[in-house]
Amino acid sequence: MPRQLGELEDAVMTRVWQWNRPVTVREVLEDLQQERSIAYTTVMTVMDNLHQKGWVRREVDGRAYRYTAVSTRAAYSAALMNEAWAQSDNPAAALVAFFGMMSSEQREALSDAIRVVGYNAPEPPAPPAEEAPASPPAAAPAAPEKAVGEAADAADDAGR
């Protein structure tokens, strides 16, 4: 499972993901220099490290390399969330706490995502015939579906 990118690794990968095309160290350097003072060799080392870690692939272009992302930022974020959840000693409690921290926009995104993956809450088992209740059972709470479609749309928009 991936570990979280360091601050400079994330700054480099952000550009690679946003530009969504093969990039050179020089291009990344020039963009980073708009925000901070940084040396060419530092960016080159970070990009080489990202290549060694499997985050980018590279191809020779003249005397330089062109780097391309291996996966999307969404896939990276999902892997980090999955890793954090897997490390919990109580995954259900971790999800409840996580959902409690979500903004309304994030809850809508979650609902959209659930709809996109086609999640359907399992039907509760029917009671045995001899124990059938006299009145109809209360409706089970619906799965948060609205946010899933919007989340998928947001993820699509972010990936472009």
C-alpha atoms as a PDB file:
ATOM      1  CA  MET A   1       0.000   0.000   0.000  1.00  0.00           C
ATOM      2  CA  PRO A   2       1.313   3.456  -0.749  1.00  0.00           C
ATOM      3  CA  ARG A   3       2.620   5.704   1.924  1.00  0.00           C
ATOM      4  CA  GLN A   4       1.607   9.328   1.925  1.00  0.00           C
ATOM      5  CA  LEU A   5       3.700  11.491  -0.375  1.00  0.00           C
ATOM      6  CA  GLY A   6       6.006  14.004   1.247  1.00  0.00           C
ATOM      7  CA  GLU A   7       5.329  17.723   0.780  1.00  0.00           C
ATOM      8  CA  LEU A   8       7.715  18.174  -2.177  1.00  0.00           C
ATOM      9  CA  GLU A   9       6.734  14.839  -3.724  1.00  0.00           C
ATOM     10  CA  ASP A  10       3.094  15.945  -3.533  1.00  0.00           C
ATOM     11  CA  ALA A  11       3.909  19.323  -5.117  1.00  0.00           C
ATOM     12  CA  VAL A  12       5.639  17.556  -8.011  1.00  0.00           C
ATOM     13  CA  MET A  13       2.925  14.920  -8.430  1.00  0.00           C
ATOM     14  CA  THR A  14       0.224  17.601  -8.322  1.00  0.00           C
ATOM     15  CA  ARG A  15       1.743  19.134 -11.445  1.00  0.00           C
ATOM     16  CA  VAL A  16       2.168  15.789 -13.173  1.00  0.00           C
ATOM     17  CA  TRP A  17      -1.482  14.917 -12.416  1.00  0.00           C
ATOM     18  CA  GLN A  18      -2.834  18.339 -13.381  1.00  0.00           C
ATOM     19  CA  TRP A  19      -0.936  18.579 -16.648  1.00  0.00           C
ATOM     20  CA  ASN A  20      -1.838  14.985 -17.540  1.00  0.00           C
ATOM     21  CA  ARG A  21       0.967  14.690 -20.102  1.00  0.00           C
ATOM     22  CA  PRO A  22       4.646  13.730 -20.093  1.00  0.00           C
ATOM     23  CA  VAL A  23       6.648  16.430 -18.285  1.00  0.00           C
ATOM     24  CA  THR A  24      10.327  17.255 -17.887  1.00  0.00           C
ATOM     25  CA  VAL A  25      12.199  18.160 -14.737  1.00  0.00           C
ATOM     26  CA  ARG A  26      12.732  21.652 -16.218  1.00  0.00           C
ATOM     27  CA  GLU A  27       8.962  22.203 -16.658  1.00  0.00           C
ATOM     28  CA  VAL A  28       8.221  21.137 -13.099  1.00  0.00           C
ATOM     29  CA  LEU A  29      11.132  23.212 -11.790  1.00  0.00           C
ATOM     30  CA  GLU A  30       9.953  26.370 -13.560  1.00  0.00           C
ATOM     31  CA  ASP A  31       6.443  25.967 -12.199  1.00  0.00           C
ATOM     32  CA  LEU A  32       7.647  25.217  -8.654  1.00  0.00           C
ATOM     33  CA  GLN A  33       9.935  28.264  -8.742  1.00  0.00           C
ATOM     34  CA  GLN A  34       6.856  30.471  -8.959  1.00  0.00           C
ATOM     35  CA  GLU A  35       6.123  29.432  -5.362  1.00  0.00           C
ATOM     36  CA  ARG A  36       9.529  28.711  -3.837  1.00  0.00           C
ATOM     37  CA  SER A  37      13.239  28.801  -4.384  1.00  0.00           C
ATOM     38  CA  ILE A  38      14.317  25.331  -5.438  1.00  0.00           C
ATOM     39  CA  ALA A  39      17.265  23.825  -7.321  1.00  0.00           C
ATOM     40  CA  TYR A  40      17.059  21.801 -10.525  1.00  0.00           C
ATOM     41  CA  THR A  41      18.926  18.930  -8.868  1.00  0.00           C
ATOM     42  CA  THR A  42      16.379  18.827  -6.034  1.00  0.00           C
ATOM     43  CA  VAL A  43      13.467  18.461  -8.460  1.00  0.00           C
ATOM     44  CA  MET A  44      15.452  15.919 -10.496  1.00  0.00           C
ATOM     45  CA  THR A  45      16.101  13.858  -7.341  1.00  0.00           C
ATOM     46  CA  VAL A  46      12.443  14.003  -6.273  1.00  0.00           C
ATOM     47  CA  MET A  47      11.272  12.915  -9.728  1.00  0.00           C
ATOM     48  CA  ASP A  48      13.830  10.096  -9.781  1.00  0.00           C
ATOM     49  CA  ASN A  49      12.606   9.003  -6.333  1.00  0.00           C
ATOM     50  CA  LEU A  50       8.996   9.075  -7.562  1.00  0.00           C
ATOM     51  CA  HIS A  51      10.089   6.898 -10.492  1.00  0.00           C
ATOM     52  CA  GLN A  52      11.859   4.450  -8.157  1.00  0.00           C
ATOM     53  CA  LYS A  53       8.724   4.284  -5.973  1.00  0.00           C
ATOM     54  CA  GLY A  54       6.531   3.559  -8.992  1.00  0.00           C
ATOM     55  CA  TRP A  55       4.517   6.794  -9.023  1.00  0.00           C
ATOM     56  CA  VAL A  56       5.789   7.893 -12.454  1.00  0.00           C
ATOM     57  CA  ARG A  57       7.240   6.187 -15.497  1.00  0.00           C
ATOM     58  CA  ARG A  58       9.839   7.895 -17.615  1.00  0.00           C
ATOM     59  CA  GLU A  59      11.054   7.813 -21.174  1.00  0.00           C
ATOM     60  CA  VAL A  60      14.229   9.264 -22.604  1.00  0.00           C
ATOM     61  CA  ASP A  61      13.686  12.364 -24.750  1.00  0.00           C
ATOM     62  CA  GLY A  62      17.031  13.578 -26.051  1.00  0.00           C
ATOM     63  CA  ARG A  63      19.228  14.243 -23.018  1.00  0.00           C
ATOM     64  CA  ALA A  64      16.304  14.425 -20.590  1.00  0.00           C
ATOM     65  CA  TYR A  65      13.511  12.229 -19.302  1.00  0.00           C
ATOM     66  CA  ARG A  66       9.793  12.833 -19.723  1.00  0.00           C
ATOM     67  CA  TYR A  67       7.783  11.668 -16.719  1.00  0.00           C
ATOM     68  CA  THR A  68       4.172  10.455 -16.776  1.00  0.00           C
ATOM     69  CA  ALA A  69       1.935   9.566 -13.818  1.00  0.00           C
ATOM     70  CA  VAL A  70       1.265   5.863 -13.373  1.00  0.00           C
ATOM     71  CA  SER A  71      -2.119   6.434 -11.710  1.00  0.00           C
ATOM     72  CA  THR A  72      -4.496   9.267 -10.873  1.00  0.00           C
ATOM     73  CA  ARG A  73      -4.702  11.471  -7.801  1.00  0.00           C
ATOM     74  CA  ALA A  74      -8.109   9.890  -7.118  1.00  0.00           C
ATOM     75  CA  ALA A  75      -6.537   6.415  -7.066  1.00  0.00           C
ATOM     76  CA  TYR A  76      -3.792   7.698  -4.739  1.00  0.00           C
ATOM     77  CA  SER A  77      -6.346   9.231  -2.368  1.00  0.00           C
ATOM     78  CA  ALA A  78      -8.448   6.065  -2.414  1.00  0.00           C
ATOM     79  CA  ALA A  79      -5.413   3.914  -1.591  1.00  0.00           C
ATOM     80  CA  LEU A  80      -4.546   6.170   1.361  1.00  0.00           C
ATOM     81  CA  MET A  81      -8.122   6.000   2.680  1.00  0.00           C
ATOM     82  CA  ASN A  82      -8.174   2.227   2.272  1.00  0.00           C
ATOM     83  CA  GLU A  83      -4.854   1.881   4.086  1.00  0.00           C
ATOM     84  CA  ALA A  84      -6.015   4.057   6.977  1.00  0.00           C
ATOM     85  CA  TRP A  85      -9.285   2.128   7.267  1.00  0.00           C
ATOM     86  CA  ALA A  86      -7.516  -1.243   7.107  1.00  0.00           C
ATOM     87  CA  GLN A  87      -5.277  -0.270  10.026  1.00  0.00           C
ATOM     88  CA  SER A  88      -8.231   0.430  12.325  1.00  0.00           C
ATOM     89  CA  ASP A  89      -8.974  -2.083  15.053  1.00  0.00           C
ATOM     90  CA  ASN A  90     -12.670  -1.188  14.647  1.00  0.00           C
ATOM     91  CA  PRO A  91     -13.405  -0.408  10.980  1.00  0.00           C
ATOM     92  CA  ALA A  92     -17.106   0.294  11.588  1.00  0.00           C
ATOM     93  CA  ALA A  93     -16.315   2.855  14.291  1.00  0.00           C
ATOM     94  CA  ALA A  94     -13.666   4.422  12.079  1.00  0.00           C
ATOM     95  CA  LEU A  95     -16.212   4.836   9.281  1.00  0.00           C
ATOM     96  CA  VAL A  96     -18.788   6.321  11.644  1.00  0.00           C
ATOM     97  CA  ALA A  97     -16.199   8.831  12.889  1.00  0.00           C
ATOM     98  CA  PHE A  98     -15.091   9.597   9.324  1.00  0.00           C
ATOM     99  CA  PHE A  99     -18.668  10.129   8.119  1.00  0.00           C
ATOM    100  CA  GLY A 100     -19.265  12.391  11.126  1.00  0.00           C
ATOM    101  CA  MET A 101     -16.396  14.620   9.983  1.00  0.00           C
ATOM    102  CA  MET A 102     -17.750  14.996   6.446  1.00  0.00           C
ATOM    103  CA  SER A 103     -19.182  18.239   5.130  1.00  0.00           C
ATOM    104  CA  SER A 104     -22.540  18.157   3.372  1.00  0.00           C
ATOM    105  CA  GLU A 105     -20.693  18.348   0.038  1.00  0.00           C
ATOM    106  CA  GLN A 106     -18.569  15.352   0.980  1.00  0.00           C
ATOM    107  CA  ARG A 107     -21.666  13.388   2.050  1.00  0.00           C
ATOM    108  CA  GLU A 108     -23.255  14.171  -1.322  1.00  0.00           C
ATOM    109  CA  ALA A 109     -20.052  13.017  -3.035  1.00  0.00           C
ATOM    110  CA  LEU A 110     -20.172   9.779  -1.019  1.00  0.00           C
ATOM    111  CA  SER A 111     -23.769   9.198  -2.016  1.00  0.00           C
ATOM    112  CA  ASP A 112     -22.866   9.779  -5.669  1.00  0.00           C
ATOM    113  CA  ALA A 113     -19.934   7.366  -5.407  1.00  0.00           C
ATOM    114  CA  ILE A 114     -22.152   4.671  -3.913  1.00  0.00           C
ATOM    115  CA  ARG A 115     -24.617   5.074  -6.758  1.00  0.00           C
ATOM    116  CA  VAL A 116     -21.819   4.902  -9.356  1.00  0.00           C
ATOM    117  CA  VAL A 117     -20.454   1.615  -8.030  1.00  0.00           C
ATOM    118  CA  GLY A 118     -23.968   0.200  -7.983  1.00  0.00           C
ATOM    119  CA  TYR A 119     -24.165  -0.471  -4.275  1.00  0.00           C
ATOM    120  CA  ASN A 120     -27.560  -1.700  -3.161  1.00  0.00           C
ATOM    121  CA  ALA A 121     -28.239  -2.291   0.495  1.00  0.00           C
ATOM    122  CA  PRO A 122     -29.128  -5.943   1.050  1.00  0.00           C
ATOM    123  CA  GLU A 123     -32.807  -6.635   1.585  1.00  0.00           C
ATOM    124  CA  PRO A 124     -33.585  -7.647   5.146  1.00  0.00           C
ATOM    125  CA  PRO A 125     -34.597 -11.302   5.379  1.00  0.00           C
ATOM    126  CA  ALA A 126     -38.330 -11.920   5.368  1.00  0.00           C
ATOM    127  CA  PRO A 127     -39.675 -13.109   8.725  1.00  0.00           C
ATOM    128  CA  PRO A 128     -40.851 -16.711   8.874  1.00  0.00           C
ATOM    129  CA  ALA A 129     -44.495 -17.116   7.839  1.00  0.00           C
ATOM    130  CA  GLU A 130     -45.680 -18.034  11.330  1.00  0.00           C
ATOM    131  CA  GLU A 131     -44.029 -14.927  12.787  1.00  0.00           C
ATOM    132  CA  ALA A 132     -45.160 -12.407  10.173  1.00  0.00           C
ATOM    133  CA  PRO A 133     -45.936  -9.065  11.816  1.00  0.00           C
ATOM    134  CA  ALA A 134     -49.519  -7.768  11.763  1.00  0.00           C
ATOM    135  CA  SER A 135     -48.430  -4.431  10.306  1.00  0.00           C
ATOM    136  CA  PRO A 136     -45.965  -3.843   7.482  1.00  0.00           C
ATOM    137  CA  PRO A 137     -42.362  -3.457   8.615  1.00  0.00           C
ATOM    138  CA  ALA A 138     -40.860   0.012   8.740  1.00  0.00           C
ATOM    139  CA  ALA A 139     -38.855   0.919   5.673  1.00  0.00           C
ATOM    140  CA  ALA A 140     -35.135   0.322   6.038  1.00  0.00           C
ATOM    141  CA  PRO A 141     -33.021   3.474   5.832  1.00  0.00           C
ATOM    142  CA  ALA A 142     -31.990   4.156   2.274  1.00  0.00           C
ATOM    143  CA  ALA A 143     -28.328   4.071   1.290  1.00  0.00           C
ATOM    144  CA  PRO A 144     -26.912   7.522   0.618  1.00  0.00           C
ATOM    145  CA  GLU A 145     -27.162   7.482  -3.158  1.00  0.00           C
ATOM    146  CA  LYS A 146     -27.469  11.106  -4.293  1.00  0.00           C
ATOM    147  CA  ALA A 147     -23.971  12.010  -3.185  1.00  0.00           C
ATOM    148  CA  VAL A 148     -22.455   9.078  -5.063  1.00  0.00           C
ATOM    149  CA  GLY A 149     -23.312  10.381  -8.542  1.00  0.00           C
ATOM    150  CA  GLU A 150     -22.175  13.863  -7.646  1.00  0.00           C
ATOM    151  CA  ALA A 151     -18.992  12.456  -6.112  1.00  0.00           C
ATOM    152  CA  ALA A 152     -18.269  10.534  -9.263  1.00  0.00           C
ATOM    153  CA  ASP A 153     -18.910  13.651 -11.331  1.00  0.00           C
ATOM    154  CA  ALA A 154     -16.593  15.598  -9.041  1.00  0.00           C
ATOM    155  CA  ALA A 155     -13.966  12.862  -9.280  1.00  0.00           C
ATOM    156  CA  ASP A 156     -14.294  12.887 -13.066  1.00  0.00           C
ATOM    157  CA  ASP A 157     -13.953  16.663 -13.137  1.00  0.00           C
ATOM    158  CA  ALA A 158     -10.932  16.522 -10.843  1.00  0.00           C
ATOM    159  CA  GLY A 159      -9.286  13.878 -13.030  1.00  0.00           C
ATOM    160  CA  ARG A 160      -9.540  16.048 -16.137  1.00  0.00           C
END
